[in-house]
Structure formats: structure tokens, C-alpha cells
N, C-alpha and C. Protein backbone atom coordinates (compact mmCIF):
# COMPACT_ATOMS: atom_id res chain seq x y z
N MET A 1 16.62 -4.95 -9.40
CA MET A 1 15.61 -3.93 -9.21
C MET A 1 15.16 -3.94 -7.75
N GLU A 2 15.26 -2.80 -7.10
CA GLU A 2 14.79 -2.67 -5.72
C GLU A 2 13.29 -2.42 -5.73
N VAL A 3 12.60 -3.10 -4.84
CA VAL A 3 11.14 -2.99 -4.78
C VAL A 3 10.74 -2.43 -3.42
N ARG A 4 9.78 -1.49 -3.44
CA ARG A 4 9.21 -0.92 -2.23
C ARG A 4 7.75 -1.32 -2.16
N ILE A 5 7.26 -1.50 -0.96
CA ILE A 5 5.83 -1.69 -0.74
C ILE A 5 5.35 -0.38 -0.15
N ARG A 6 4.51 0.32 -0.90
CA ARG A 6 4.08 1.65 -0.46
C ARG A 6 2.64 1.91 -0.90
N MET A 7 2.15 3.08 -0.52
CA MET A 7 0.78 3.45 -0.84
C MET A 7 0.74 4.25 -2.13
N GLN A 8 -0.29 3.99 -2.94
CA GLN A 8 -0.48 4.70 -4.19
C GLN A 8 -1.87 5.35 -4.12
N LYS A 9 -1.90 6.67 -4.26
CA LYS A 9 -3.15 7.41 -4.12
C LYS A 9 -4.09 7.16 -5.30
N THR A 10 -5.35 6.92 -4.97
CA THR A 10 -6.41 6.83 -5.97
C THR A 10 -7.54 7.71 -5.47
N GLY A 11 -8.52 7.96 -6.29
CA GLY A 11 -9.64 8.78 -5.85
C GLY A 11 -9.34 10.25 -6.02
N LYS A 12 -10.27 11.08 -5.59
CA LYS A 12 -10.16 12.53 -5.77
C LYS A 12 -9.86 13.20 -4.44
N SER A 13 -8.67 13.75 -4.32
CA SER A 13 -8.30 14.40 -3.07
C SER A 13 -8.94 15.78 -2.96
N ALA A 14 -9.34 16.38 -4.09
CA ALA A 14 -9.95 17.71 -4.06
C ALA A 14 -11.27 17.70 -3.30
N ARG A 15 -11.98 16.60 -3.34
CA ARG A 15 -13.26 16.48 -2.65
C ARG A 15 -13.13 15.78 -1.30
N GLY A 16 -11.90 15.54 -0.90
CA GLY A 16 -11.69 14.84 0.35
C GLY A 16 -11.99 13.36 0.27
N ARG A 17 -11.91 12.78 -0.92
CA ARG A 17 -12.23 11.38 -1.12
C ARG A 17 -11.01 10.55 -1.51
N ALA A 18 -9.86 10.94 -1.05
CA ALA A 18 -8.65 10.19 -1.38
C ALA A 18 -8.69 8.82 -0.70
N ASN A 19 -8.35 7.79 -1.45
CA ASN A 19 -8.14 6.46 -0.89
C ASN A 19 -6.88 5.91 -1.52
N TYR A 20 -6.41 4.80 -1.02
CA TYR A 20 -5.09 4.33 -1.41
C TYR A 20 -5.08 2.84 -1.72
N ARG A 21 -4.16 2.47 -2.61
CA ARG A 21 -3.82 1.07 -2.84
C ARG A 21 -2.49 0.82 -2.15
N ILE A 22 -2.31 -0.35 -1.63
CA ILE A 22 -1.00 -0.76 -1.11
C ILE A 22 -0.40 -1.62 -2.21
N VAL A 23 0.74 -1.17 -2.77
CA VAL A 23 1.30 -1.80 -3.96
C VAL A 23 2.77 -2.13 -3.80
N ALA A 24 3.22 -3.09 -4.59
CA ALA A 24 4.65 -3.37 -4.76
C ALA A 24 5.05 -2.61 -6.02
N ILE A 25 6.08 -1.78 -5.92
CA ILE A 25 6.47 -0.91 -7.03
C ILE A 25 7.99 -0.74 -7.01
N SER A 26 8.56 -0.52 -8.18
CA SER A 26 10.00 -0.30 -8.27
C SER A 26 10.37 0.96 -7.49
N ARG A 27 11.47 0.91 -6.78
CA ARG A 27 11.89 2.04 -5.93
C ARG A 27 12.14 3.30 -6.75
N ALA A 28 12.61 3.17 -7.97
CA ALA A 28 12.94 4.32 -8.79
C ALA A 28 11.71 4.94 -9.46
N SER A 29 10.56 4.26 -9.40
CA SER A 29 9.35 4.74 -10.06
C SER A 29 8.71 5.89 -9.29
N ALA A 30 8.00 6.73 -10.04
CA ALA A 30 7.25 7.81 -9.43
C ALA A 30 6.08 7.25 -8.63
N ARG A 31 5.49 8.07 -7.78
CA ARG A 31 4.41 7.62 -6.90
C ARG A 31 3.23 7.06 -7.69
N GLN A 32 2.88 7.67 -8.79
CA GLN A 32 1.72 7.23 -9.57
C GLN A 32 2.09 6.32 -10.74
N ALA A 33 3.29 5.81 -10.76
CA ALA A 33 3.75 4.93 -11.86
C ALA A 33 3.04 3.58 -11.79
N ARG A 34 3.25 2.80 -12.83
CA ARG A 34 2.63 1.47 -12.89
C ARG A 34 3.23 0.57 -11.81
N HIS A 35 2.35 -0.10 -11.08
CA HIS A 35 2.77 -0.97 -9.99
C HIS A 35 3.07 -2.38 -10.50
N LEU A 36 3.77 -3.15 -9.71
CA LEU A 36 4.04 -4.54 -10.04
C LEU A 36 2.87 -5.43 -9.60
N GLU A 37 2.32 -5.14 -8.42
CA GLU A 37 1.20 -5.92 -7.91
C GLU A 37 0.46 -5.12 -6.84
N ILE A 38 -0.86 -5.27 -6.81
CA ILE A 38 -1.68 -4.65 -5.77
C ILE A 38 -1.76 -5.63 -4.60
N LEU A 39 -1.42 -5.14 -3.40
CA LEU A 39 -1.41 -5.99 -2.22
C LEU A 39 -2.56 -5.71 -1.26
N GLY A 40 -3.20 -4.54 -1.41
CA GLY A 40 -4.31 -4.22 -0.52
C GLY A 40 -4.88 -2.85 -0.80
N TYR A 41 -5.84 -2.45 0.06
CA TYR A 41 -6.53 -1.17 -0.08
C TYR A 41 -6.68 -0.51 1.28
N TYR A 42 -6.71 0.83 1.27
CA TYR A 42 -6.90 1.59 2.51
C TYR A 42 -7.75 2.81 2.19
N ASP A 43 -8.86 2.97 2.91
CA ASP A 43 -9.73 4.12 2.75
C ASP A 43 -9.90 4.78 4.12
N PRO A 44 -9.17 5.88 4.37
CA PRO A 44 -9.24 6.53 5.68
C PRO A 44 -10.51 7.34 5.90
N ILE A 45 -11.29 7.60 4.84
CA ILE A 45 -12.48 8.42 4.95
C ILE A 45 -13.64 7.67 5.62
N LYS A 46 -13.76 6.39 5.34
CA LYS A 46 -14.83 5.59 5.94
C LYS A 46 -14.65 5.54 7.45
N LYS A 47 -15.76 5.45 8.16
CA LYS A 47 -15.72 5.36 9.61
C LYS A 47 -16.32 4.03 10.02
N PRO A 48 -15.58 3.09 10.57
CA PRO A 48 -14.13 3.09 10.75
C PRO A 48 -13.40 2.93 9.43
N ALA A 49 -12.14 3.32 9.43
CA ALA A 49 -11.33 3.27 8.21
C ALA A 49 -11.28 1.84 7.65
N TYR A 50 -11.41 1.73 6.32
CA TYR A 50 -11.38 0.41 5.66
C TYR A 50 -9.94 0.04 5.34
N LEU A 51 -9.52 -1.14 5.76
CA LEU A 51 -8.17 -1.62 5.51
C LEU A 51 -8.23 -3.09 5.12
N SER A 52 -7.68 -3.40 3.95
CA SER A 52 -7.66 -4.78 3.47
C SER A 52 -6.27 -5.05 2.90
N ILE A 53 -5.57 -6.03 3.48
CA ILE A 53 -4.22 -6.38 3.03
C ILE A 53 -4.16 -7.88 2.81
N ASN A 54 -3.66 -8.29 1.63
CA ASN A 54 -3.46 -9.71 1.34
C ASN A 54 -2.12 -10.12 1.97
N GLN A 55 -2.20 -10.75 3.13
CA GLN A 55 -1.00 -11.09 3.90
C GLN A 55 -0.07 -12.05 3.17
N GLU A 56 -0.62 -13.00 2.40
CA GLU A 56 0.22 -13.96 1.68
C GLU A 56 1.07 -13.26 0.62
N LYS A 57 0.44 -12.37 -0.15
CA LYS A 57 1.19 -11.62 -1.18
C LYS A 57 2.23 -10.72 -0.54
N LEU A 58 1.86 -10.07 0.56
CA LEU A 58 2.79 -9.18 1.27
C LEU A 58 4.02 -9.96 1.75
N LYS A 59 3.79 -11.11 2.38
CA LYS A 59 4.89 -11.93 2.87
C LYS A 59 5.78 -12.41 1.73
N ALA A 60 5.17 -12.75 0.58
CA ALA A 60 5.96 -13.20 -0.56
C ALA A 60 6.88 -12.09 -1.07
N TRP A 61 6.38 -10.86 -1.14
CA TRP A 61 7.22 -9.75 -1.61
C TRP A 61 8.32 -9.41 -0.60
N VAL A 62 8.00 -9.47 0.68
CA VAL A 62 9.02 -9.21 1.70
C VAL A 62 10.10 -10.28 1.65
N LYS A 63 9.68 -11.52 1.42
CA LYS A 63 10.64 -12.63 1.30
C LYS A 63 11.57 -12.44 0.11
N LYS A 64 11.06 -11.81 -0.96
CA LYS A 64 11.87 -11.53 -2.15
C LYS A 64 12.80 -10.33 -1.95
N GLY A 65 12.65 -9.62 -0.82
CA GLY A 65 13.54 -8.50 -0.52
C GLY A 65 12.91 -7.12 -0.62
N ALA A 66 11.60 -7.04 -0.78
CA ALA A 66 10.93 -5.74 -0.86
C ALA A 66 10.94 -5.06 0.51
N GLN A 67 11.10 -3.74 0.51
CA GLN A 67 11.11 -2.95 1.73
C GLN A 67 9.77 -2.23 1.88
N MET A 68 9.19 -2.26 3.08
CA MET A 68 7.94 -1.57 3.33
C MET A 68 8.21 -0.13 3.76
N SER A 69 7.35 0.79 3.33
CA SER A 69 7.45 2.17 3.80
C SER A 69 6.98 2.21 5.26
N GLU A 70 7.29 3.29 5.96
CA GLU A 70 6.90 3.41 7.37
C GLU A 70 5.38 3.39 7.53
N THR A 71 4.67 4.05 6.62
CA THR A 71 3.21 4.09 6.68
C THR A 71 2.62 2.70 6.50
N VAL A 72 3.13 1.95 5.54
CA VAL A 72 2.63 0.59 5.31
C VAL A 72 2.95 -0.30 6.51
N LYS A 73 4.13 -0.13 7.11
CA LYS A 73 4.46 -0.92 8.31
C LYS A 73 3.44 -0.69 9.41
N SER A 74 3.06 0.57 9.62
CA SER A 74 2.09 0.87 10.69
C SER A 74 0.71 0.32 10.33
N LEU A 75 0.33 0.33 9.06
CA LEU A 75 -0.96 -0.22 8.66
C LEU A 75 -0.99 -1.74 8.81
N VAL A 76 0.12 -2.40 8.49
CA VAL A 76 0.21 -3.86 8.64
C VAL A 76 0.09 -4.22 10.12
N LYS A 77 0.75 -3.45 10.97
CA LYS A 77 0.67 -3.68 12.41
C LYS A 77 -0.77 -3.50 12.90
N LYS A 78 -1.45 -2.48 12.37
CA LYS A 78 -2.85 -2.21 12.74
C LYS A 78 -3.76 -3.34 12.25
N ALA A 79 -3.48 -3.88 11.07
CA ALA A 79 -4.30 -4.96 10.52
C ALA A 79 -4.15 -6.24 11.33
N LYS A 80 -2.95 -6.49 11.85
CA LYS A 80 -2.72 -7.70 12.66
C LYS A 80 -3.33 -7.60 14.03
N GLY A 81 -3.32 -6.38 14.58
CA GLY A 81 -3.77 -6.19 15.96
C GLY A 81 -5.20 -5.97 16.07
């Protein structure tokens, strides 16, 4: 099973309150499908934007062969810097 680390939308986008979970999920699964594990949270609406990533869990999934999406890669880089 191929695993991706990507963002999963939560919240209400109709009111401009969309926020996201950073999750490990099967590559073949739909965007809103059941995730394998929650790795962090991202809320772009808050000023400054709220970003929380569990680095240990993220490293463990990458070590197992999970691929990060481009958006998650940029958020991880932002969290480190």
C-alpha cells in the first residue's frame, strides 16, 4: 500500500473557515477518506497562521516510505525555519 502525507480539509469552507489536518493516508483513497494517522494541523485563517506538526510521527512515516505532497513539504519547511 502506497502512503501519502497530505492535507485533509476540515471546517466550513463556505464561511471562509476552512482548516486542515496533515494526515498519512492511502494514495488510492479519496481526499476525505479515513486517514491512517493524524500528523498535524494547519489553520491559514488565524493571524499568524497556526501550524502544528508532530515531527517524530512525520519522520516515522517518511522512513516507512510515505511520500509528502508539495504543499506539506512547504509547510514542513516553514515549520522548521
